[in-house]
N, C-alpha and C. Protein backbone atom coordinates (compact mmCIF):
# COMPACT_ATOMS: atom_id res chain seq x y z
N UNK A 1 -30.73 37.47 -56.41
CA UNK A 1 -32.03 37.17 -55.87
C UNK A 1 -33.09 37.27 -56.95
N UNK A 2 -32.98 38.29 -57.80
CA UNK A 2 -33.96 38.43 -58.86
C UNK A 2 -33.95 37.24 -59.80
N UNK A 3 -32.77 36.75 -60.15
CA UNK A 3 -32.66 35.62 -61.06
C UNK A 3 -33.37 34.39 -60.49
N UNK A 4 -33.19 34.14 -59.22
CA UNK A 4 -33.86 33.01 -58.57
C UNK A 4 -35.37 33.19 -58.59
N UNK A 5 -35.83 34.38 -58.34
CA UNK A 5 -37.27 34.65 -58.34
C UNK A 5 -37.86 34.50 -59.74
N UNK A 6 -37.13 34.91 -60.77
CA UNK A 6 -37.62 34.75 -62.14
C UNK A 6 -37.74 33.28 -62.49
N UNK A 7 -36.75 32.48 -62.10
CA UNK A 7 -36.79 31.04 -62.39
C UNK A 7 -37.94 30.37 -61.64
N UNK A 8 -38.07 30.66 -60.36
CA UNK A 8 -39.15 30.07 -59.58
C UNK A 8 -40.52 30.53 -60.05
N UNK A 9 -40.62 31.79 -60.44
CA UNK A 9 -41.88 32.29 -60.99
C UNK A 9 -42.23 31.62 -62.30
N UNK A 10 -41.25 31.42 -63.17
CA UNK A 10 -41.49 30.73 -64.43
C UNK A 10 -41.90 29.29 -64.23
N UNK A 11 -41.27 28.61 -63.27
CA UNK A 11 -41.65 27.24 -62.95
C UNK A 11 -43.08 27.18 -62.42
N UNK A 12 -43.43 28.12 -61.55
CA UNK A 12 -44.79 28.14 -61.00
C UNK A 12 -45.83 28.39 -62.09
N UNK A 13 -45.55 29.34 -62.97
CA UNK A 13 -46.48 29.62 -64.07
C UNK A 13 -46.59 28.41 -65.00
N UNK A 14 -45.47 27.75 -65.27
CA UNK A 14 -45.49 26.55 -66.11
C UNK A 14 -46.33 25.44 -65.50
N UNK A 15 -46.20 25.24 -64.19
CA UNK A 15 -46.98 24.21 -63.53
C UNK A 15 -48.47 24.56 -63.52
N UNK A 16 -48.79 25.83 -63.24
CA UNK A 16 -50.18 26.26 -63.25
C UNK A 16 -50.79 26.13 -64.64
N UNK A 17 -50.04 26.51 -65.66
CA UNK A 17 -50.54 26.41 -67.03
C UNK A 17 -50.77 24.95 -67.41
N UNK A 18 -49.91 24.05 -66.98
CA UNK A 18 -50.09 22.63 -67.29
C UNK A 18 -51.25 22.03 -66.50
N UNK A 19 -51.32 22.33 -65.22
CA UNK A 19 -52.31 21.68 -64.36
C UNK A 19 -53.72 22.23 -64.52
N UNK A 20 -53.86 23.53 -64.54
CA UNK A 20 -55.18 24.12 -64.53
C UNK A 20 -55.69 24.55 -65.91
N UNK A 21 -54.81 25.09 -66.74
CA UNK A 21 -55.23 25.57 -68.05
C UNK A 21 -55.04 24.54 -69.15
N UNK A 22 -54.40 23.42 -68.83
CA UNK A 22 -54.16 22.31 -69.75
C UNK A 22 -53.36 22.72 -70.99
N UNK A 23 -52.35 23.57 -70.79
CA UNK A 23 -51.43 23.92 -71.86
C UNK A 23 -50.41 22.80 -71.99
N UNK A 24 -50.04 22.43 -73.20
CA UNK A 24 -48.97 21.46 -73.48
C UNK A 24 -49.21 20.12 -72.79
N UNK A 25 -50.44 19.65 -72.74
CA UNK A 25 -50.74 18.42 -72.02
C UNK A 25 -50.12 17.20 -72.69
N UNK A 26 -50.02 17.20 -74.01
CA UNK A 26 -49.47 16.03 -74.69
C UNK A 26 -47.94 16.00 -74.63
N UNK A 27 -47.32 17.13 -74.40
CA UNK A 27 -45.85 17.16 -74.30
C UNK A 27 -45.36 16.87 -72.90
N UNK A 28 -46.17 17.15 -71.91
CA UNK A 28 -45.79 16.82 -70.53
C UNK A 28 -45.48 18.04 -69.68
N UNK A 29 -45.42 17.79 -68.38
CA UNK A 29 -45.19 18.86 -67.42
C UNK A 29 -43.76 19.39 -67.51
N UNK A 30 -42.80 18.53 -67.84
CA UNK A 30 -41.41 18.98 -67.90
C UNK A 30 -41.22 20.05 -68.97
N UNK A 31 -41.85 19.88 -70.12
CA UNK A 31 -41.74 20.87 -71.19
C UNK A 31 -42.41 22.18 -70.77
N UNK A 32 -43.54 22.10 -70.08
CA UNK A 32 -44.19 23.31 -69.59
C UNK A 32 -43.30 24.06 -68.59
N UNK A 33 -42.62 23.32 -67.73
CA UNK A 33 -41.72 23.95 -66.77
C UNK A 33 -40.53 24.60 -67.46
N UNK A 34 -40.00 23.95 -68.48
CA UNK A 34 -38.86 24.50 -69.22
C UNK A 34 -39.27 25.76 -69.97
N UNK A 35 -40.43 25.71 -70.63
CA UNK A 35 -40.90 26.90 -71.37
C UNK A 35 -41.19 28.04 -70.41
N UNK A 36 -41.80 27.74 -69.27
CA UNK A 36 -42.07 28.77 -68.27
C UNK A 36 -40.80 29.39 -67.71
N UNK A 37 -39.80 28.56 -67.45
CA UNK A 37 -38.52 29.06 -66.95
C UNK A 37 -37.83 29.94 -67.98
N UNK A 38 -37.82 29.49 -69.23
CA UNK A 38 -37.21 30.29 -70.29
C UNK A 38 -37.94 31.63 -70.47
N UNK A 39 -39.25 31.60 -70.40
CA UNK A 39 -40.01 32.84 -70.49
C UNK A 39 -39.76 33.78 -69.33
N UNK A 40 -39.63 33.21 -68.13
CA UNK A 40 -39.33 34.03 -66.96
C UNK A 40 -37.97 34.69 -67.05
N UNK A 41 -36.99 33.94 -67.51
CA UNK A 41 -35.65 34.51 -67.68
C UNK A 41 -35.63 35.57 -68.78
N UNK A 42 -36.32 35.31 -69.87
CA UNK A 42 -36.39 36.28 -70.96
C UNK A 42 -37.05 37.58 -70.50
N UNK A 43 -38.16 37.43 -69.80
CA UNK A 43 -38.87 38.62 -69.33
C UNK A 43 -38.12 39.41 -68.28
N UNK A 44 -37.51 38.70 -67.34
CA UNK A 44 -36.79 39.38 -66.27
C UNK A 44 -35.49 40.01 -66.72
N UNK A 45 -34.76 39.32 -67.59
CA UNK A 45 -33.44 39.81 -68.00
C UNK A 45 -33.49 40.77 -69.18
N UNK A 46 -34.43 40.57 -70.08
CA UNK A 46 -34.44 41.40 -71.31
C UNK A 46 -35.54 42.47 -71.31
N UNK A 47 -36.76 42.07 -70.95
CA UNK A 47 -37.87 43.02 -71.06
C UNK A 47 -37.98 43.98 -69.87
N UNK A 48 -37.69 43.50 -68.68
CA UNK A 48 -37.83 44.36 -67.49
C UNK A 48 -36.92 45.59 -67.54
N UNK A 49 -35.64 45.48 -67.95
CA UNK A 49 -34.83 46.69 -68.04
C UNK A 49 -35.36 47.68 -69.09
N UNK A 50 -35.98 47.18 -70.15
CA UNK A 50 -36.54 48.08 -71.15
C UNK A 50 -37.76 48.82 -70.63
N UNK A 51 -38.45 48.22 -69.67
CA UNK A 51 -39.64 48.84 -69.10
C UNK A 51 -39.33 49.68 -67.86
N UNK A 52 -38.07 49.80 -67.53
CA UNK A 52 -37.67 50.61 -66.39
C UNK A 52 -37.61 49.85 -65.09
N UNK A 53 -37.60 48.54 -65.15
CA UNK A 53 -37.57 47.72 -63.95
C UNK A 53 -36.17 47.37 -63.52
N UNK A 54 -35.33 48.36 -63.30
CA UNK A 54 -33.95 48.12 -62.90
C UNK A 54 -33.83 48.40 -61.40
N UNK A 55 -33.34 47.43 -60.61
CA UNK A 55 -33.21 47.67 -59.17
C UNK A 55 -32.11 48.69 -58.88
N UNK A 56 -32.22 49.33 -57.73
CA UNK A 56 -31.24 50.34 -57.32
C UNK A 56 -29.89 49.69 -57.08
N UNK A 57 -29.88 48.62 -56.31
CA UNK A 57 -28.65 47.87 -56.06
C UNK A 57 -28.65 46.59 -56.88
N UNK A 58 -27.50 45.97 -57.01
CA UNK A 58 -27.42 44.79 -57.84
C UNK A 58 -28.16 43.59 -57.24
N UNK A 59 -28.31 43.51 -55.94
CA UNK A 59 -28.96 42.37 -55.31
C UNK A 59 -30.37 42.67 -54.80
N UNK A 60 -30.88 43.85 -55.06
CA UNK A 60 -32.19 44.23 -54.55
C UNK A 60 -33.31 43.52 -55.31
N UNK A 61 -34.40 43.24 -54.61
CA UNK A 61 -35.58 42.64 -55.22
C UNK A 61 -36.37 43.71 -55.95
N UNK A 62 -36.88 43.37 -57.12
CA UNK A 62 -37.65 44.31 -57.91
C UNK A 62 -38.97 43.66 -58.32
N UNK A 63 -40.11 44.14 -57.77
CA UNK A 63 -41.39 43.52 -58.09
C UNK A 63 -41.82 43.73 -59.55
N UNK A 64 -41.45 44.84 -60.16
CA UNK A 64 -41.80 45.06 -61.57
C UNK A 64 -41.10 44.04 -62.47
N UNK A 65 -39.86 43.72 -62.17
CA UNK A 65 -39.14 42.71 -62.95
C UNK A 65 -39.78 41.33 -62.76
N UNK A 66 -40.24 41.03 -61.56
CA UNK A 66 -40.90 39.75 -61.32
C UNK A 66 -42.23 39.67 -62.08
N UNK A 67 -43.02 40.72 -62.05
CA UNK A 67 -44.29 40.73 -62.79
C UNK A 67 -44.05 40.62 -64.29
N UNK A 68 -43.02 41.28 -64.79
CA UNK A 68 -42.68 41.18 -66.20
C UNK A 68 -42.26 39.76 -66.55
N UNK A 69 -41.49 39.13 -65.68
CA UNK A 69 -41.06 37.74 -65.91
C UNK A 69 -42.26 36.79 -65.92
N UNK A 70 -43.19 36.99 -65.00
CA UNK A 70 -44.37 36.13 -64.95
C UNK A 70 -45.25 36.30 -66.19
N UNK A 71 -45.44 37.55 -66.60
CA UNK A 71 -46.25 37.80 -67.80
C UNK A 71 -45.60 37.22 -69.05
N UNK A 72 -44.28 37.34 -69.15
CA UNK A 72 -43.58 36.79 -70.31
C UNK A 72 -43.62 35.27 -70.31
N UNK A 73 -43.51 34.65 -69.15
CA UNK A 73 -43.60 33.19 -69.06
C UNK A 73 -44.98 32.72 -69.51
N UNK A 74 -46.02 33.40 -69.08
CA UNK A 74 -47.37 33.04 -69.50
C UNK A 74 -47.55 33.24 -71.00
N UNK A 75 -47.00 34.31 -71.54
CA UNK A 75 -47.09 34.55 -72.97
C UNK A 75 -46.35 33.47 -73.76
N UNK A 76 -45.18 33.07 -73.30
CA UNK A 76 -44.43 32.01 -73.98
C UNK A 76 -45.18 30.68 -73.94
N UNK A 77 -45.81 30.37 -72.81
CA UNK A 77 -46.58 29.14 -72.72
C UNK A 77 -47.80 29.18 -73.62
N UNK A 78 -48.44 30.32 -73.73
CA UNK A 78 -49.59 30.46 -74.61
C UNK A 78 -49.19 30.29 -76.06
N UNK A 79 -48.10 30.93 -76.47
CA UNK A 79 -47.63 30.80 -77.85
C UNK A 79 -47.21 29.36 -78.14
N UNK A 80 -46.52 28.72 -77.22
CA UNK A 80 -46.11 27.33 -77.42
C UNK A 80 -47.31 26.41 -77.57
N UNK A 81 -48.36 26.65 -76.79
CA UNK A 81 -49.56 25.84 -76.91
C UNK A 81 -50.26 26.08 -78.24
N UNK A 82 -50.31 27.32 -78.69
CA UNK A 82 -50.93 27.63 -79.98
C UNK A 82 -50.15 27.02 -81.13
N UNK A 83 -48.82 27.05 -81.07
CA UNK A 83 -47.99 26.43 -82.11
C UNK A 83 -48.20 24.92 -82.12
N UNK A 84 -48.29 24.31 -80.94
CA UNK A 84 -48.48 22.87 -80.89
C UNK A 84 -49.83 22.48 -81.48
N UNK A 85 -50.87 23.24 -81.13
CA UNK A 85 -52.20 22.92 -81.66
C UNK A 85 -52.28 23.13 -83.16
N UNK A 86 -51.58 24.11 -83.68
CA UNK A 86 -51.66 24.40 -85.11
C UNK A 86 -50.77 23.49 -85.94
N UNK A 87 -49.52 23.31 -85.52
CA UNK A 87 -48.56 22.58 -86.34
C UNK A 87 -48.19 21.20 -85.79
N UNK A 88 -48.54 20.92 -84.55
CA UNK A 88 -48.21 19.64 -83.96
C UNK A 88 -46.76 19.48 -83.60
N UNK A 89 -46.06 20.57 -83.40
CA UNK A 89 -44.63 20.54 -83.07
C UNK A 89 -44.45 20.66 -81.59
């Protein structure tokens, strides 16, 4: 369940960043969704356990892991936008 929530959260953050904040506008919405998804998975799977966001059971929902995934997705989108503006990649 957590994995699905991290992916959906990353997609939502990617869409919001593309639509409202105009991140990655020249690359398209698909790239924003992919970067948001990758950031959500990175944050939920790697950073959340380091911050103590481990659920009691293997299938339990963990709000700290979801917040970490959302924050990491936003950070990845911000960095990707800054790299694109600076280097054009």
